[in-house]
Amino acid sequence: MNPILQKQIVIENVLVSKIRGKIAYQGNISASTIMGLYYVKPYDDPSGKGYQRPVDQKRSHEFAIYLSKGEDALFTPILLNAASNWEFVSYDRERPAYGRLICKGKASLMDGQHRLGGIQRYIQETNSEINVPFLSFHYLDEDEEIKLFDTINTKAKGIGSSLSKYLRRDSDELSWVATKLLIQNDSPFHNNGSIIGKRNKGRHITLQNLYRTLSLLFKNRKLSVITKEEKLSLAVSYFSKIKELFPSEWMDYKGQRLTHIVCLDALSISGSQVLANCIHENRKQVDMVAVSRHVKKLNGIDWSSEGPLKYVKGLSGSRSLASELVDQMLN
């Protein structure tokens, strides 16, 4: 993230207004100019305040094709946060809401990353120029910016539930645990999970998938009172023991069903009962040695995609399978 401008930029014919008490600027700027006037906060930025997913080149390409339709290719304004780097100066006292913006630093791009990618491609390939409408807040703090981004992209078809869970990790306990399961090196999900919800080869478990399976794992009331750090430790330990028992099945998503969501949910539903059964009532701690003994009783299960679990589907299938797993682990 680099908000520094080499030299200030002036945007003419701008309107200033207030949106829910926040000062906002509206106007148009040439495509070539706006390309150097914003920066992006990626979701994995070390600051912990990033939120943008990587650009989907296919979507940007499709938008560039859309722009080739000419005047019929209308699009909504790009949304920015100037973070106090832009100063508004009215042309005269008679019209105080109309004037110019003096941009002393770059603005943070909140919405419009794929549109800007398509615009850049379009102007490069056609050697032309277009005006880009924008709406910029004068100042939002980082948390306000993330919250607005989350609201925009979850109310409409946008970022999806996985990245939304990631953005809420500081305020939602299970979102925090699910995120940690994907980024910690000692987690069994570290190498096969996706924070942004986009599945690819080797990363087929999304953050939303983990969030749901964790809600099943800790559903038992005996487990509801433990801290998020303890929940993380229990989740890592429980699923690590399963991975150790079935190492090849855990890594073979195509040929085995062990890490398919329906089976992970079944393991969480059954695991909730096992963990609750192994709690020391006086110390409120889970006896992981006992849990390990119960998990080892699963040895011998055929998780293959063409095996007996081939047609297990949906939450009803998870519950049915979980009932069998509980019988095997606790008897």
C-alpha atoms as a PDB file:
ATOM      1  CA  MET A   1       0.000   0.000   0.000  1.00  0.00           C
ATOM      2  CA  ASN A   2       1.567   3.273  -1.116  1.00  0.00           C
ATOM      3  CA  PRO A   3      -0.571   6.446  -0.718  1.00  0.00           C
ATOM      4  CA  ILE A   4       2.221   8.831  -1.773  1.00  0.00           C
ATOM      5  CA  LEU A   5       1.832  10.987  -4.908  1.00  0.00           C
ATOM      6  CA  GLN A   6       4.901  12.285  -6.725  1.00  0.00           C
ATOM      7  CA  LYS A   7       3.055  15.537  -7.446  1.00  0.00           C
ATOM      8  CA  GLN A   8      -0.375  16.784  -6.540  1.00  0.00           C
ATOM      9  CA  ILE A   9      -3.283  16.331  -8.934  1.00  0.00           C
ATOM     10  CA  VAL A  10      -6.198  18.721  -9.407  1.00  0.00           C
ATOM     11  CA  ILE A  11      -9.688  17.503 -10.286  1.00  0.00           C
ATOM     12  CA  GLU A  12     -12.069  20.149 -11.626  1.00  0.00           C
ATOM     13  CA  ASN A  13     -15.879  20.415 -11.526  1.00  0.00           C
ATOM     14  CA  VAL A  14     -16.429  18.502  -8.308  1.00  0.00           C
ATOM     15  CA  LEU A  15     -19.514  18.535  -6.098  1.00  0.00           C
ATOM     16  CA  VAL A  16     -19.197  18.214  -2.318  1.00  0.00           C
ATOM     17  CA  SER A  17     -22.006  16.871  -0.152  1.00  0.00           C
ATOM     18  CA  LYS A  18     -22.653  14.930   3.022  1.00  0.00           C
ATOM     19  CA  ILE A  19     -23.676  11.294   3.198  1.00  0.00           C
ATOM     20  CA  ARG A  20     -24.857  10.288   6.668  1.00  0.00           C
ATOM     21  CA  GLY A  21     -22.700  13.009   8.158  1.00  0.00           C
ATOM     22  CA  LYS A  22     -19.619  12.112   6.102  1.00  0.00           C
ATOM     23  CA  ILE A  23     -18.180  14.604   3.607  1.00  0.00           C
ATOM     24  CA  ALA A  24     -18.135  13.130   0.114  1.00  0.00           C
ATOM     25  CA  TYR A  25     -16.910  14.298  -3.290  1.00  0.00           C
ATOM     26  CA  GLN A  26     -18.505  13.447  -6.635  1.00  0.00           C
ATOM     27  CA  GLY A  27     -17.076  14.051 -10.054  1.00  0.00           C
ATOM     28  CA  ASN A  28     -15.339  12.631 -13.107  1.00  0.00           C
ATOM     29  CA  ILE A  29     -11.676  12.110 -13.836  1.00  0.00           C
ATOM     30  CA  SER A  30      -9.814  10.884 -16.905  1.00  0.00           C
ATOM     31  CA  ALA A  31      -8.990   7.191 -16.920  1.00  0.00           C
ATOM     32  CA  SER A  32      -5.276   7.772 -17.393  1.00  0.00           C
ATOM     33  CA  THR A  33      -5.183  10.103 -14.383  1.00  0.00           C
ATOM     34  CA  ILE A  34      -7.158   7.929 -11.959  1.00  0.00           C
ATOM     35  CA  MET A  35      -4.803   4.991 -12.573  1.00  0.00           C
ATOM     36  CA  GLY A  36      -2.139   6.811 -10.603  1.00  0.00           C
ATOM     37  CA  LEU A  37      -4.475   8.242  -7.992  1.00  0.00           C
ATOM     38  CA  TYR A  38      -5.470   5.190  -5.972  1.00  0.00           C
ATOM     39  CA  TYR A  39      -3.954   2.265  -4.117  1.00  0.00           C
ATOM     40  CA  VAL A  40      -5.351  -1.063  -2.980  1.00  0.00           C
ATOM     41  CA  LYS A  41      -5.281  -2.665   0.469  1.00  0.00           C
ATOM     42  CA  PRO A  42      -4.932  -6.439  -0.160  1.00  0.00           C
ATOM     43  CA  TYR A  43      -6.659  -8.804   2.250  1.00  0.00           C
ATOM     44  CA  ASP A  44      -3.323 -10.320   3.357  1.00  0.00           C
ATOM     45  CA  ASP A  45      -1.563  -7.015   4.061  1.00  0.00           C
ATOM     46  CA  PRO A  46       0.754  -7.335   7.113  1.00  0.00           C
ATOM     47  CA  SER A  47      -1.045  -4.401   8.772  1.00  0.00           C
ATOM     48  CA  GLY A  48      -4.098  -6.596   9.288  1.00  0.00           C
ATOM     49  CA  LYS A  49      -6.275  -3.799   7.854  1.00  0.00           C
ATOM     50  CA  GLY A  50      -6.377  -5.028   4.260  1.00  0.00           C
ATOM     51  CA  TYR A  51      -9.540  -6.409   2.669  1.00  0.00           C
ATOM     52  CA  GLN A  52      -9.333  -6.457  -1.143  1.00  0.00           C
ATOM     53  CA  ARG A  53      -9.251  -9.765  -2.991  1.00  0.00           C
ATOM     54  CA  PRO A  54      -6.879 -10.266  -5.942  1.00  0.00           C
ATOM     55  CA  VAL A  55      -8.119  -8.972  -9.283  1.00  0.00           C
ATOM     56  CA  ASP A  56      -9.981 -11.521 -11.387  1.00  0.00           C
ATOM     57  CA  GLN A  57      -8.459 -10.924 -14.809  1.00  0.00           C
ATOM     58  CA  LYS A  58     -11.403 -12.580 -16.534  1.00  0.00           C
ATOM     59  CA  ARG A  59     -13.835 -10.081 -14.991  1.00  0.00           C
ATOM     60  CA  SER A  60     -11.616  -7.152 -15.955  1.00  0.00           C
ATOM     61  CA  HIS A  61     -11.357  -8.467 -19.511  1.00  0.00           C
ATOM     62  CA  GLU A  62     -15.146  -8.810 -19.713  1.00  0.00           C
ATOM     63  CA  PHE A  63     -15.552  -5.219 -18.523  1.00  0.00           C
ATOM     64  CA  ALA A  64     -13.103  -4.002 -21.177  1.00  0.00           C
ATOM     65  CA  ILE A  65     -15.226  -5.745 -23.820  1.00  0.00           C
ATOM     66  CA  TYR A  66     -18.320  -4.108 -22.337  1.00  0.00           C
ATOM     67  CA  LEU A  67     -16.691  -0.669 -22.681  1.00  0.00           C
ATOM     68  CA  SER A  68     -16.145  -1.287 -26.388  1.00  0.00           C
ATOM     69  CA  LYS A  69     -19.911  -0.870 -26.866  1.00  0.00           C
ATOM     70  CA  GLY A  70     -19.363   2.875 -26.737  1.00  0.00           C
ATOM     71  CA  GLU A  71     -21.840   5.316 -25.231  1.00  0.00           C
ATOM     72  CA  ASP A  72     -24.206   2.530 -24.201  1.00  0.00           C
ATOM     73  CA  ALA A  73     -21.571   1.170 -21.802  1.00  0.00           C
ATOM     74  CA  LEU A  74     -22.633   2.966 -18.620  1.00  0.00           C
ATOM     75  CA  PHE A  75     -21.136   2.052 -15.250  1.00  0.00           C
ATOM     76  CA  THR A  76     -21.413   3.100 -11.627  1.00  0.00           C
ATOM     77  CA  PRO A  77     -18.899   5.412  -9.891  1.00  0.00           C
ATOM     78  CA  ILE A  78     -15.668   4.102  -8.418  1.00  0.00           C
ATOM     79  CA  LEU A  79     -15.750   4.315  -4.606  1.00  0.00           C
ATOM     80  CA  LEU A  80     -12.726   5.818  -2.833  1.00  0.00           C
ATOM     81  CA  ASN A  81     -11.572   6.917   0.593  1.00  0.00           C
ATOM     82  CA  ALA A  82      -9.380  10.014   0.321  1.00  0.00           C
ATOM     83  CA  ALA A  83      -8.339   9.637   3.981  1.00  0.00           C
ATOM     84  CA  SER A  84      -7.876  13.431   4.307  1.00  0.00           C
ATOM     85  CA  ASN A  85      -5.390  13.478   1.414  1.00  0.00           C
ATOM     86  CA  TRP A  86      -7.753  15.537  -0.777  1.00  0.00           C
ATOM     87  CA  GLU A  87      -8.730  19.156  -0.170  1.00  0.00           C
ATOM     88  CA  PHE A  88     -11.854  20.744  -1.641  1.00  0.00           C
ATOM     89  CA  VAL A  89     -11.787  24.396  -2.767  1.00  0.00           C
ATOM     90  CA  SER A  90     -15.006  26.028  -4.005  1.00  0.00           C
ATOM     91  CA  TYR A  91     -14.918  28.265  -7.073  1.00  0.00           C
ATOM     92  CA  ASP A  92     -16.900  31.051  -5.397  1.00  0.00           C
ATOM     93  CA  ARG A  93     -19.027  31.815  -2.357  1.00  0.00           C
ATOM     94  CA  GLU A  94     -22.234  31.752  -4.340  1.00  0.00           C
ATOM     95  CA  ARG A  95     -21.804  28.037  -5.015  1.00  0.00           C
ATOM     96  CA  PRO A  96     -19.856  26.624  -2.060  1.00  0.00           C
ATOM     97  CA  ALA A  97     -20.580  23.008  -3.003  1.00  0.00           C
ATOM     98  CA  TYR A  98     -18.973  23.281  -6.453  1.00  0.00           C
ATOM     99  CA  GLY A  99     -15.254  23.507  -7.021  1.00  0.00           C
ATOM    100  CA  ARG A 100     -11.999  21.609  -7.405  1.00  0.00           C
ATOM    101  CA  LEU A 101     -10.165  18.920  -5.489  1.00  0.00           C
ATOM    102  CA  ILE A 102      -6.482  19.258  -4.737  1.00  0.00           C
ATOM    103  CA  CYS A 103      -5.164  15.717  -4.332  1.00  0.00           C
ATOM    104  CA  LYS A 104      -1.986  15.614  -2.251  1.00  0.00           C
ATOM    105  CA  GLY A 105      -1.986  11.843  -1.800  1.00  0.00           C
ATOM    106  CA  LYS A 106      -3.568   8.729  -3.246  1.00  0.00           C
ATOM    107  CA  ALA A 107      -6.999   7.484  -2.185  1.00  0.00           C
ATOM    108  CA  SER A 108      -7.780   3.974  -1.001  1.00  0.00           C
ATOM    109  CA  LEU A 109      -9.899   2.078  -3.519  1.00  0.00           C
ATOM    110  CA  MET A 110     -12.935   0.561  -1.785  1.00  0.00           C
ATOM    111  CA  ASP A 111     -15.060  -0.588  -4.722  1.00  0.00           C
ATOM    112  CA  GLY A 112     -14.319  -0.800  -8.431  1.00  0.00           C
ATOM    113  CA  GLN A 113     -11.116  -2.795  -8.694  1.00  0.00           C
ATOM    114  CA  HIS A 114     -12.327  -4.938 -11.596  1.00  0.00           C
ATOM    115  CA  ARG A 115     -13.866  -1.982 -13.393  1.00  0.00           C
ATOM    116  CA  LEU A 116     -10.594  -0.076 -13.179  1.00  0.00           C
ATOM    117  CA  GLY A 117      -8.722  -3.149 -14.416  1.00  0.00           C
ATOM    118  CA  GLY A 118     -11.049  -3.290 -17.420  1.00  0.00           C
ATOM    119  CA  ILE A 119     -10.784   0.468 -18.004  1.00  0.00           C
ATOM    120  CA  GLN A 120      -6.992   0.297 -17.987  1.00  0.00           C
ATOM    121  CA  ARG A 121      -7.040  -2.538 -20.471  1.00  0.00           C
ATOM    122  CA  TYR A 122      -9.535  -0.723 -22.686  1.00  0.00           C
ATOM    123  CA  ILE A 123      -7.614   2.565 -22.917  1.00  0.00           C
ATOM    124  CA  GLN A 124      -4.349   0.721 -23.577  1.00  0.00           C
ATOM    125  CA  GLU A 125      -5.775  -1.441 -26.339  1.00  0.00           C
ATOM    126  CA  THR A 126      -7.788   1.333 -28.003  1.00  0.00           C
ATOM    127  CA  ASN A 127      -5.346   4.183 -27.344  1.00  0.00           C
ATOM    128  CA  SER A 128      -8.312   6.268 -26.235  1.00  0.00           C
ATOM    129  CA  GLU A 129      -9.442   8.173 -23.147  1.00  0.00           C
ATOM    130  CA  ILE A 130     -12.670   8.040 -21.142  1.00  0.00           C
ATOM    131  CA  ASN A 131     -13.999   9.836 -18.101  1.00  0.00           C
ATOM    132  CA  VAL A 132     -14.430   7.739 -14.968  1.00  0.00           C
ATOM    133  CA  PRO A 133     -17.133   8.774 -12.462  1.00  0.00           C
ATOM    134  CA  PHE A 134     -16.094   8.570  -8.819  1.00  0.00           C
ATOM    135  CA  LEU A 135     -17.477   9.046  -5.342  1.00  0.00           C
ATOM    136  CA  SER A 136     -14.890   9.672  -2.661  1.00  0.00           C
ATOM    137  CA  PHE A 137     -15.297  10.116   1.061  1.00  0.00           C
ATOM    138  CA  HIS A 138     -13.108  12.836   2.514  1.00  0.00           C
ATOM    139  CA  TYR A 139     -12.156  10.624   5.447  1.00  0.00           C
ATOM    140  CA  LEU A 140     -13.054   7.185   6.763  1.00  0.00           C
ATOM    141  CA  ASP A 141     -10.918   5.431   9.344  1.00  0.00           C
ATOM    142  CA  GLU A 142      -9.713   1.939   8.486  1.00  0.00           C
ATOM    143  CA  ASP A 143     -12.440   0.122  10.396  1.00  0.00           C
ATOM    144  CA  GLU A 144     -15.173   2.266   8.821  1.00  0.00           C
ATOM    145  CA  GLU A 145     -13.673   1.565   5.421  1.00  0.00           C
ATOM    146  CA  ILE A 146     -13.664  -2.205   5.976  1.00  0.00           C
ATOM    147  CA  LYS A 147     -17.218  -2.162   7.346  1.00  0.00           C
ATOM    148  CA  LEU A 148     -18.532  -0.231   4.337  1.00  0.00           C
ATOM    149  CA  PHE A 149     -16.703  -2.532   1.919  1.00  0.00           C
ATOM    150  CA  ASP A 150     -18.184  -5.553   3.697  1.00  0.00           C
ATOM    151  CA  THR A 151     -21.701  -4.082   3.591  1.00  0.00           C
ATOM    152  CA  ILE A 152     -21.504  -3.190  -0.102  1.00  0.00           C
ATOM    153  CA  ASN A 153     -20.195  -6.560  -1.158  1.00  0.00           C
ATOM    154  CA  THR A 154     -22.378  -8.807   0.970  1.00  0.00           C
ATOM    155  CA  LYS A 155     -25.685  -7.066   0.296  1.00  0.00           C
ATOM    156  CA  ALA A 156     -24.993  -7.337  -3.421  1.00  0.00           C
ATOM    157  CA  LYS A 157     -23.278 -10.189  -5.273  1.00  0.00           C
ATOM    158  CA  GLY A 158     -19.697  -9.503  -4.381  1.00  0.00           C
ATOM    159  CA  ILE A 159     -17.001 -10.691  -2.038  1.00  0.00           C
ATOM    160  CA  GLY A 160     -18.837 -13.762  -0.809  1.00  0.00           C
ATOM    161  CA  SER A 161     -19.165 -15.181   2.652  1.00  0.00           C
ATOM    162  CA  SER A 162     -15.567 -16.380   3.096  1.00  0.00           C
ATOM    163  CA  LEU A 163     -13.886 -13.016   2.752  1.00  0.00           C
ATOM    164  CA  SER A 164     -16.711 -11.487   4.781  1.00  0.00           C
ATOM    165  CA  LYS A 165     -15.909 -13.894   7.630  1.00  0.00           C
ATOM    166  CA  TYR A 166     -12.254 -12.877   7.342  1.00  0.00           C
ATOM    167  CA  LEU A 167     -13.137  -9.203   7.660  1.00  0.00           C
ATOM    168  CA  ARG A 168     -15.131  -9.935  10.820  1.00  0.00           C
ATOM    169  CA  ARG A 169     -12.389 -11.963  12.488  1.00  0.00           C
ATOM    170  CA  ASP A 170     -11.748  -9.308  15.157  1.00  0.00           C
ATOM    171  CA  SER A 171     -15.374  -9.127  16.242  1.00  0.00           C
ATOM    172  CA  ASP A 172     -16.613 -12.665  15.642  1.00  0.00           C
ATOM    173  CA  GLU A 173     -15.050 -15.522  17.611  1.00  0.00           C
ATOM    174  CA  LEU A 174     -15.515 -18.351  15.121  1.00  0.00           C
ATOM    175  CA  SER A 175     -14.356 -16.150  12.219  1.00  0.00           C
ATOM    176  CA  TRP A 176     -11.122 -15.620  14.155  1.00  0.00           C
ATOM    177  CA  VAL A 177     -10.696 -19.348  14.815  1.00  0.00           C
ATOM    178  CA  ALA A 178     -11.465 -20.260  11.188  1.00  0.00           C
ATOM    179  CA  THR A 179      -8.965 -17.696   9.917  1.00  0.00           C
ATOM    180  CA  LYS A 180      -6.265 -18.992  12.251  1.00  0.00           C
ATOM    181  CA  LEU A 181      -6.889 -22.541  11.018  1.00  0.00           C
ATOM    182  CA  LEU A 182      -6.043 -21.396   7.497  1.00  0.00           C
ATOM    183  CA  ILE A 183      -2.955 -19.295   8.253  1.00  0.00           C
ATOM    184  CA  GLN A 184      -1.219 -21.144  11.096  1.00  0.00           C
ATOM    185  CA  ASN A 185       1.585 -23.470  10.024  1.00  0.00           C
ATOM    186  CA  ASP A 186       0.621 -26.137  12.568  1.00  0.00           C
ATOM    187  CA  SER A 187      -2.972 -26.316  11.349  1.00  0.00           C
ATOM    188  CA  PRO A 188      -4.032 -29.336   9.258  1.00  0.00           C
ATOM    189  CA  PHE A 189      -5.940 -26.917   7.014  1.00  0.00           C
ATOM    190  CA  HIS A 190      -2.961 -24.634   6.351  1.00  0.00           C
ATOM    191  CA  ASN A 191      -2.163 -25.967   2.873  1.00  0.00           C
ATOM    192  CA  ASN A 192      -5.635 -26.800   1.591  1.00  0.00           C
ATOM    193  CA  GLY A 193      -7.772 -23.799   2.537  1.00  0.00           C
ATOM    194  CA  SER A 194      -8.756 -20.526   0.868  1.00  0.00           C
ATOM    195  CA  ILE A 195      -9.447 -17.310   2.776  1.00  0.00           C
ATOM    196  CA  ILE A 196     -11.034 -15.472  -0.121  1.00  0.00           C
ATOM    197  CA  GLY A 197     -13.430 -18.293  -0.991  1.00  0.00           C
ATOM    198  CA  LYS A 198     -11.949 -19.065  -4.398  1.00  0.00           C
ATOM    199  CA  ARG A 199     -11.201 -22.747  -4.752  1.00  0.00           C
ATOM    200  CA  ASN A 200      -8.272 -23.942  -6.823  1.00  0.00           C
ATOM    201  CA  LYS A 201      -6.087 -27.026  -7.064  1.00  0.00           C
ATOM    202  CA  GLY A 202      -5.058 -28.048  -3.568  1.00  0.00           C
ATOM    203  CA  ARG A 203      -7.165 -25.359  -1.849  1.00  0.00           C
ATOM    204  CA  HIS A 204     -10.705 -26.646  -1.811  1.00  0.00           C
ATOM    205  CA  ILE A 205     -11.791 -25.724   1.737  1.00  0.00           C
ATOM    206  CA  THR A 206     -13.021 -22.144   2.086  1.00  0.00           C
ATOM    207  CA  LEU A 207     -13.109 -19.983   5.162  1.00  0.00           C
ATOM    208  CA  GLN A 208     -16.905 -20.164   5.115  1.00  0.00           C
ATOM    209  CA  ASN A 209     -16.704 -23.979   5.052  1.00  0.00           C
ATOM    210  CA  LEU A 210     -14.497 -23.932   8.138  1.00  0.00           C
ATOM    211  CA  TYR A 211     -16.742 -21.420   9.879  1.00  0.00           C
ATOM    212  CA  ARG A 212     -19.733 -23.699   9.449  1.00  0.00           C
ATOM    213  CA  THR A 213     -17.902 -26.846  10.508  1.00  0.00           C
ATOM    214  CA  LEU A 214     -16.555 -25.057  13.603  1.00  0.00           C
ATOM    215  CA  SER A 215     -20.070 -23.994  14.559  1.00  0.00           C
ATOM    216  CA  LEU A 216     -20.959 -27.699  14.514  1.00  0.00           C
ATOM    217  CA  LEU A 217     -17.829 -28.720  16.408  1.00  0.00           C
ATOM    218  CA  PHE A 218     -18.492 -26.319  19.283  1.00  0.00           C
ATOM    219  CA  LYS A 219     -22.275 -26.586  19.327  1.00  0.00           C
ATOM    220  CA  ASN A 220     -22.385 -28.620  22.549  1.00  0.00           C
ATOM    221  CA  ARG A 221     -23.183 -26.321  25.479  1.00  0.00           C
ATOM    222  CA  LYS A 222     -20.212 -27.706  27.454  1.00  0.00           C
ATOM    223  CA  LEU A 223     -17.897 -26.265  24.796  1.00  0.00           C
ATOM    224  CA  SER A 224     -19.642 -22.905  24.439  1.00  0.00           C
ATOM    225  CA  VAL A 225     -17.947 -21.391  27.489  1.00  0.00           C
ATOM    226  CA  ILE A 226     -14.328 -21.958  26.461  1.00  0.00           C
ATOM    227  CA  THR A 227     -12.235 -19.116  25.025  1.00  0.00           C
ATOM    228  CA  LYS A 228     -11.533 -18.652  21.331  1.00  0.00           C
ATOM    229  CA  GLU A 229      -7.875 -19.543  21.940  1.00  0.00           C
ATOM    230  CA  GLU A 230      -8.954 -22.820  23.527  1.00  0.00           C
ATOM    231  CA  LYS A 231     -11.334 -23.490  20.642  1.00  0.00           C
ATOM    232  CA  LEU A 232      -8.503 -22.946  18.195  1.00  0.00           C
ATOM    233  CA  SER A 233      -6.260 -25.341  20.115  1.00  0.00           C
ATOM    234  CA  LEU A 234      -8.994 -27.993  20.270  1.00  0.00           C
ATOM    235  CA  ALA A 235      -9.796 -27.663  16.549  1.00  0.00           C
ATOM    236  CA  VAL A 236      -6.130 -27.944  15.576  1.00  0.00           C
ATOM    237  CA  SER A 237      -5.619 -30.962  17.851  1.00  0.00           C
ATOM    238  CA  TYR A 238      -8.806 -32.789  16.857  1.00  0.00           C
ATOM    239  CA  PHE A 239      -8.420 -32.438  13.087  1.00  0.00           C
ATOM    240  CA  SER A 240      -4.650 -33.049  13.283  1.00  0.00           C
ATOM    241  CA  LYS A 241      -5.349 -36.418  14.911  1.00  0.00           C
ATOM    242  CA  ILE A 242      -7.733 -37.250  12.067  1.00  0.00           C
ATOM    243  CA  LYS A 243      -5.123 -36.187   9.514  1.00  0.00           C
ATOM    244  CA  GLU A 244      -2.477 -38.319  11.261  1.00  0.00           C
ATOM    245  CA  LEU A 245      -4.811 -41.331  11.186  1.00  0.00           C
ATOM    246  CA  PHE A 246      -5.626 -40.854   7.494  1.00  0.00           C
ATOM    247  CA  PRO A 247      -2.642 -38.955   5.997  1.00  0.00           C
ATOM    248  CA  SER A 248      -3.061 -40.010   2.363  1.00  0.00           C
ATOM    249  CA  GLU A 249      -6.852 -39.605   2.451  1.00  0.00           C
ATOM    250  CA  TRP A 250      -6.469 -36.085   3.885  1.00  0.00           C
ATOM    251  CA  MET A 251      -4.302 -34.997   0.954  1.00  0.00           C
ATOM    252  CA  ASP A 252      -6.273 -36.718  -1.830  1.00  0.00           C
ATOM    253  CA  TYR A 253      -9.356 -34.571  -2.380  1.00  0.00           C
ATOM    254  CA  LYS A 254     -10.236 -36.086  -5.736  1.00  0.00           C
ATOM    255  CA  GLY A 255      -9.981 -39.724  -4.746  1.00  0.00           C
ATOM    256  CA  GLN A 256     -11.098 -39.485  -1.114  1.00  0.00           C
ATOM    257  CA  ARG A 257     -14.042 -37.810   0.614  1.00  0.00           C
ATOM    258  CA  LEU A 258     -12.401 -37.183   3.993  1.00  0.00           C
ATOM    259  CA  THR A 259     -11.906 -33.431   3.444  1.00  0.00           C
ATOM    260  CA  HIS A 260     -15.122 -32.923   1.489  1.00  0.00           C
ATOM    261  CA  ILE A 261     -17.404 -30.569   3.383  1.00  0.00           C
ATOM    262  CA  VAL A 262     -20.067 -33.189   4.014  1.00  0.00           C
ATOM    263  CA  CYS A 263     -17.521 -35.402   5.785  1.00  0.00           C
ATOM    264  CA  LEU A 264     -15.808 -32.558   7.657  1.00  0.00           C
ATOM    265  CA  ASP A 265     -19.217 -31.514   8.967  1.00  0.00           C
ATOM    266  CA  ALA A 266     -19.895 -35.100  10.049  1.00  0.00           C
ATOM    267  CA  LEU A 267     -16.554 -35.212  11.850  1.00  0.00           C
ATOM    268  CA  SER A 268     -17.432 -31.922  13.576  1.00  0.00           C
ATOM    269  CA  ILE A 269     -20.895 -33.070  14.659  1.00  0.00           C
ATOM    270  CA  SER A 270     -19.477 -36.299  16.066  1.00  0.00           C
ATOM    271  CA  GLY A 271     -16.403 -34.508  17.402  1.00  0.00           C
ATOM    272  CA  SER A 272     -18.595 -32.154  19.410  1.00  0.00           C
ATOM    273  CA  GLN A 273     -19.940 -35.119  21.353  1.00  0.00           C
ATOM    274  CA  VAL A 274     -16.506 -36.665  21.775  1.00  0.00           C
ATOM    275  CA  LEU A 275     -14.917 -33.430  23.050  1.00  0.00           C
ATOM    276  CA  ALA A 276     -17.803 -32.816  25.446  1.00  0.00           C
ATOM    277  CA  ASN A 277     -17.518 -36.395  26.687  1.00  0.00           C
ATOM    278  CA  CYS A 278     -13.816 -35.846  27.451  1.00  0.00           C
ATOM    279  CA  ILE A 279     -14.184 -32.652  29.474  1.00  0.00           C
ATOM    280  CA  HIS A 280     -12.910 -32.701  33.051  1.00  0.00           C
ATOM    281  CA  GLU A 281     -15.865 -31.123  34.810  1.00  0.00           C
ATOM    282  CA  ASN A 282     -13.785 -29.756  37.675  1.00  0.00           C
ATOM    283  CA  ARG A 283     -11.100 -28.186  35.485  1.00  0.00           C
ATOM    284  CA  LYS A 284     -13.218 -27.346  32.425  1.00  0.00           C
ATOM    285  CA  GLN A 285     -10.495 -28.809  30.222  1.00  0.00           C
ATOM    286  CA  VAL A 286     -10.724 -31.381  27.448  1.00  0.00           C
ATOM    287  CA  ASP A 287      -8.638 -34.526  27.919  1.00  0.00           C
ATOM    288  CA  MET A 288      -6.960 -34.721  24.514  1.00  0.00           C
ATOM    289  CA  VAL A 289      -5.335 -38.045  25.375  1.00  0.00           C
ATOM    290  CA  ALA A 290      -8.814 -39.509  25.728  1.00  0.00           C
ATOM    291  CA  VAL A 291      -9.937 -37.760  22.538  1.00  0.00           C
ATOM    292  CA  SER A 292      -7.008 -39.324  20.704  1.00  0.00           C
ATOM    293  CA  ARG A 293      -8.042 -42.782  21.870  1.00  0.00           C
ATOM    294  CA  HIS A 294     -11.569 -42.222  20.584  1.00  0.00           C
ATOM    295  CA  VAL A 295     -10.384 -40.884  17.210  1.00  0.00           C
ATOM    296  CA  LYS A 296      -8.138 -43.929  16.687  1.00  0.00           C
ATOM    297  CA  LYS A 297     -11.262 -46.083  16.723  1.00  0.00           C
ATOM    298  CA  LEU A 298     -12.098 -44.595  13.308  1.00  0.00           C
ATOM    299  CA  ASN A 299      -9.190 -46.523  11.803  1.00  0.00           C
ATOM    300  CA  GLY A 300     -10.351 -48.639   8.907  1.00  0.00           C
ATOM    301  CA  ILE A 301     -13.080 -46.344   7.562  1.00  0.00           C
ATOM    302  CA  ASP A 302     -13.210 -46.290   3.776  1.00  0.00           C
ATOM    303  CA  TRP A 303     -13.274 -42.620   2.739  1.00  0.00           C
ATOM    304  CA  SER A 304     -12.802 -43.289  -0.988  1.00  0.00           C
ATOM    305  CA  SER A 305     -14.935 -41.368  -3.458  1.00  0.00           C
ATOM    306  CA  GLU A 306     -16.243 -44.615  -4.955  1.00  0.00           C
ATOM    307  CA  GLY A 307     -16.738 -46.304  -1.594  1.00  0.00           C
ATOM    308  CA  PRO A 308     -19.711 -46.497   0.778  1.00  0.00           C
ATOM    309  CA  LEU A 309     -19.683 -42.722   1.384  1.00  0.00           C
ATOM    310  CA  LYS A 310     -20.061 -41.907  -2.315  1.00  0.00           C
ATOM    311  CA  TYR A 311     -23.689 -40.792  -2.036  1.00  0.00           C
ATOM    312  CA  VAL A 312     -23.514 -39.000   1.320  1.00  0.00           C
ATOM    313  CA  LYS A 313     -24.654 -35.431   0.598  1.00  0.00           C
ATOM    314  CA  GLY A 314     -25.906 -32.338   2.413  1.00  0.00           C
ATOM    315  CA  LEU A 315     -26.343 -31.650   6.099  1.00  0.00           C
ATOM    316  CA  SER A 316     -28.733 -34.589   6.491  1.00  0.00           C
ATOM    317  CA  GLY A 317     -26.014 -36.835   5.101  1.00  0.00           C
ATOM    318  CA  SER A 318     -23.490 -35.310   7.509  1.00  0.00           C
ATOM    319  CA  ARG A 319     -25.771 -35.970  10.459  1.00  0.00           C
ATOM    320  CA  SER A 320     -26.409 -39.540   9.416  1.00  0.00           C
ATOM    321  CA  LEU A 321     -22.685 -40.200   9.002  1.00  0.00           C
ATOM    322  CA  ALA A 322     -21.933 -38.430  12.299  1.00  0.00           C
ATOM    323  CA  SER A 323     -24.252 -40.820  14.121  1.00  0.00           C
ATOM    324  CA  GLU A 324     -22.222 -43.757  12.840  1.00  0.00           C
ATOM    325  CA  LEU A 325     -18.929 -42.038  13.739  1.00  0.00           C
ATOM    326  CA  VAL A 326     -20.110 -41.333  17.291  1.00  0.00           C
ATOM    327  CA  ASP A 327     -21.090 -44.990  17.767  1.00  0.00           C
ATOM    328  CA  GLN A 328     -17.669 -46.057  16.560  1.00  0.00           C
ATOM    329  CA  MET A 329     -15.679 -43.571  18.642  1.00  0.00           C
ATOM    330  CA  LEU A 330     -17.572 -43.765  21.935  1.00  0.00           C
ATOM    331  CA  ASN A 331     -18.335 -47.485  22.059  1.00  0.00           C
END
